[in-house]
């Protein structure tokens, strides 16, 4: 099985954004922000925006090309 960090990296490199709920459902990752930090520490450029939907606030991350 691929590590969560590698799976998330591949997801972002394919041009798709990711949220914590998507990371949990698709990769079993409870700590997306930690995985994003790992990727940033390895040189990947990732941006985020905070979104509010139905009274819930969450981050959407994507790779900056």
C-alpha atoms as a PDB file:
ATOM      1  CA  UNK A   1       0.000   0.000   0.000  1.00  0.00           C
ATOM      2  CA  UNK A   2       1.229   3.469  -0.843  1.00  0.00           C
ATOM      3  CA  UNK A   3       1.810   5.896   1.998  1.00  0.00           C
ATOM      4  CA  UNK A   4      -0.815   8.553   2.529  1.00  0.00           C
ATOM      5  CA  UNK A   5       1.726  11.249   1.695  1.00  0.00           C
ATOM      6  CA  UNK A   6       2.525   9.650  -1.684  1.00  0.00           C
ATOM      7  CA  UNK A   7      -1.169   9.176  -2.467  1.00  0.00           C
ATOM      8  CA  UNK A   8      -1.971  12.784  -1.594  1.00  0.00           C
ATOM      9  CA  UNK A   9       1.017  14.008  -3.623  1.00  0.00           C
ATOM     10  CA  UNK A  10      -0.163  12.054  -6.669  1.00  0.00           C
ATOM     11  CA  UNK A  11      -3.700  13.426  -6.200  1.00  0.00           C
ATOM     12  CA  UNK A  12      -2.429  17.020  -6.090  1.00  0.00           C
ATOM     13  CA  UNK A  13      -0.031  16.483  -9.023  1.00  0.00           C
ATOM     14  CA  UNK A  14      -2.955  15.307 -11.134  1.00  0.00           C
ATOM     15  CA  UNK A  15      -4.348  18.846 -10.803  1.00  0.00           C
ATOM     16  CA  UNK A  16      -7.127  18.041  -8.350  1.00  0.00           C
ATOM     17  CA  UNK A  17      -7.704  19.965  -5.114  1.00  0.00           C
ATOM     18  CA  UNK A  18      -8.213  18.111  -1.827  1.00  0.00           C
ATOM     19  CA  UNK A  19     -10.066  18.682   1.446  1.00  0.00           C
ATOM     20  CA  UNK A  20      -9.714  16.898   4.784  1.00  0.00           C
ATOM     21  CA  UNK A  21     -12.970  15.017   4.197  1.00  0.00           C
ATOM     22  CA  UNK A  22     -11.765  13.803   0.774  1.00  0.00           C
ATOM     23  CA  UNK A  23      -8.427  12.737   2.277  1.00  0.00           C
ATOM     24  CA  UNK A  24     -10.236  10.752   4.961  1.00  0.00           C
ATOM     25  CA  UNK A  25     -12.631   9.077   2.517  1.00  0.00           C
ATOM     26  CA  UNK A  26     -10.117   8.345  -0.252  1.00  0.00           C
ATOM     27  CA  UNK A  27      -6.884   7.688   1.650  1.00  0.00           C
ATOM     28  CA  UNK A  28      -7.875   7.088   5.291  1.00  0.00           C
ATOM     29  CA  UNK A  29      -5.921  10.200   6.292  1.00  0.00           C
ATOM     30  CA  UNK A  30      -7.085  11.892   9.487  1.00  0.00           C
ATOM     31  CA  UNK A  31      -4.336  14.552   9.459  1.00  0.00           C
ATOM     32  CA  UNK A  32      -4.289  16.161   6.028  1.00  0.00           C
ATOM     33  CA  UNK A  33      -2.609  19.350   7.286  1.00  0.00           C
ATOM     34  CA  UNK A  34       0.331  17.276   8.590  1.00  0.00           C
ATOM     35  CA  UNK A  35       0.670  15.460   5.256  1.00  0.00           C
ATOM     36  CA  UNK A  36       0.533  18.819   3.421  1.00  0.00           C
ATOM     37  CA  UNK A  37       3.331  20.115   5.682  1.00  0.00           C
ATOM     38  CA  UNK A  38       5.424  17.017   4.863  1.00  0.00           C
ATOM     39  CA  UNK A  39       4.977  17.735   1.149  1.00  0.00           C
ATOM     40  CA  UNK A  40       5.805  21.432   1.572  1.00  0.00           C
ATOM     41  CA  UNK A  41       8.927  20.527   3.563  1.00  0.00           C
ATOM     42  CA  UNK A  42      10.023  18.384   0.586  1.00  0.00           C
ATOM     43  CA  UNK A  43       9.666  21.384  -1.748  1.00  0.00           C
ATOM     44  CA  UNK A  44       6.168  20.984  -3.161  1.00  0.00           C
ATOM     45  CA  UNK A  45       4.384  24.326  -3.580  1.00  0.00           C
ATOM     46  CA  UNK A  46       0.856  24.010  -2.213  1.00  0.00           C
ATOM     47  CA  UNK A  47      -1.680  26.762  -1.666  1.00  0.00           C
ATOM     48  CA  UNK A  48      -4.951  26.747   0.240  1.00  0.00           C
ATOM     49  CA  UNK A  49      -8.141  28.691   0.659  1.00  0.00           C
ATOM     50  CA  UNK A  50     -10.524  28.522   3.590  1.00  0.00           C
ATOM     51  CA  UNK A  51     -14.113  27.799   2.543  1.00  0.00           C
ATOM     52  CA  UNK A  52     -17.330  28.004   4.559  1.00  0.00           C
ATOM     53  CA  UNK A  53     -20.254  25.772   3.575  1.00  0.00           C
ATOM     54  CA  UNK A  54     -23.329  25.030   5.672  1.00  0.00           C
ATOM     55  CA  UNK A  55     -21.755  26.782   8.651  1.00  0.00           C
ATOM     56  CA  UNK A  56     -18.620  24.593   8.470  1.00  0.00           C
ATOM     57  CA  UNK A  57     -15.208  26.037   7.683  1.00  0.00           C
ATOM     58  CA  UNK A  58     -12.505  23.928   6.017  1.00  0.00           C
ATOM     59  CA  UNK A  59      -9.372  24.222   3.895  1.00  0.00           C
ATOM     60  CA  UNK A  60      -9.066  23.317   0.229  1.00  0.00           C
ATOM     61  CA  UNK A  61      -5.485  22.572  -0.876  1.00  0.00           C
ATOM     62  CA  UNK A  62      -4.011  22.424  -4.389  1.00  0.00           C
ATOM     63  CA  UNK A  63      -0.585  22.324  -6.014  1.00  0.00           C
ATOM     64  CA  UNK A  64       0.706  25.555  -7.494  1.00  0.00           C
ATOM     65  CA  UNK A  65       2.190  24.879 -10.929  1.00  0.00           C
END
